[in-house]
């Protein structure tokens, strides 16, 4: 697991440095008490889900979550 510290309005990009297009950009939009508001920018062909939704989709398709994955 990669752990990063970001301030408000700072971002993280997921994708290969060799490719001009990024796969996913996550920006910290705000920090309010114990909650962080994130913004996600991805190509239209990349789906972005909350973890619990992703798990439900996988289980509905008969796929088990990877070992060591957080549970809901």
Protein backbone atom coordinates (compact mmCIF):
# COMPACT_ATOMS: atom_id res chain seq x y z
CA UNK A 1 0.00 0.00 0.00
CA UNK A 2 1.28 3.43 -0.93
CA UNK A 3 0.50 6.08 1.69
CA UNK A 4 0.72 9.74 0.71
CA UNK A 5 0.03 12.99 2.49
CA UNK A 6 -1.74 15.65 0.42
CA UNK A 7 -3.00 19.10 1.32
CA UNK A 8 -6.21 20.63 0.04
CA UNK A 9 -6.11 21.14 -3.76
CA UNK A 10 -3.12 18.78 -4.17
CA UNK A 11 -3.56 15.71 -6.36
CA UNK A 12 -2.29 12.20 -7.07
CA UNK A 13 -2.17 10.73 -10.57
CA UNK A 14 -2.44 7.00 -11.34
CA UNK A 15 -0.96 5.92 -14.64
CA UNK A 16 2.25 5.23 -16.48
CA UNK A 17 4.76 8.06 -16.84
CA UNK A 18 5.51 6.72 -20.34
CA UNK A 19 1.92 7.37 -21.45
CA UNK A 20 0.77 10.93 -22.07
CA UNK A 21 -2.74 10.21 -20.79
CA UNK A 22 -3.34 9.66 -17.10
CA UNK A 23 -5.65 6.86 -15.99
CA UNK A 24 -6.96 8.57 -12.87
CA UNK A 25 -6.41 11.87 -11.09
CA UNK A 26 -7.53 12.20 -7.46
CA UNK A 27 -7.63 15.70 -5.95
CA UNK A 28 -8.21 16.63 -2.31
CA UNK A 29 -11.04 19.18 -2.56
CA UNK A 30 -11.38 19.86 1.13
CA UNK A 31 -10.78 18.60 4.64
CA UNK A 32 -13.65 19.01 7.09
CA UNK A 33 -13.13 17.70 10.60
CA UNK A 34 -12.55 13.97 10.24
CA UNK A 35 -13.66 13.78 6.59
CA UNK A 36 -11.80 14.34 3.34
CA UNK A 37 -13.63 15.36 0.16
CA UNK A 38 -11.98 13.86 -2.95
CA UNK A 39 -12.51 14.63 -6.63
CA UNK A 40 -11.86 11.95 -9.27
CA UNK A 41 -11.04 12.59 -12.93
CA UNK A 42 -10.85 9.54 -15.19
CA UNK A 43 -11.29 8.73 -18.84
CA UNK A 44 -14.88 7.93 -19.73
CA UNK A 45 -14.02 4.25 -20.22
CA UNK A 46 -12.69 3.91 -16.65
CA UNK A 47 -15.29 3.24 -13.98
CA UNK A 48 -14.81 4.67 -10.48
CA UNK A 49 -16.73 3.14 -7.56
CA UNK A 50 -16.73 3.33 -3.79
CA UNK A 51 -15.10 0.20 -2.35
CA UNK A 52 -18.35 -1.33 -1.04
CA UNK A 53 -20.06 -0.88 -4.43
CA UNK A 54 -17.07 -2.44 -6.24
CA UNK A 55 -17.20 -5.43 -3.86
CA UNK A 56 -20.93 -5.87 -4.47
CA UNK A 57 -20.46 -5.76 -8.26
CA UNK A 58 -17.69 -8.36 -8.03
CA UNK A 59 -19.72 -10.67 -5.79
CA UNK A 60 -22.76 -10.32 -8.09
CA UNK A 61 -20.46 -11.46 -10.92
CA UNK A 62 -19.20 -14.41 -8.86
CA UNK A 63 -15.73 -12.94 -8.23
CA UNK A 64 -14.27 -12.95 -4.73
CA UNK A 65 -12.39 -9.91 -3.40
CA UNK A 66 -8.59 -10.32 -3.29
CA UNK A 67 -7.06 -11.69 -0.08
CA UNK A 68 -6.20 -8.93 2.39
CA UNK A 69 -8.80 -6.56 0.96
CA UNK A 70 -10.69 -4.35 3.40
CA UNK A 71 -14.12 -5.68 4.27
CA UNK A 72 -17.32 -3.67 4.43
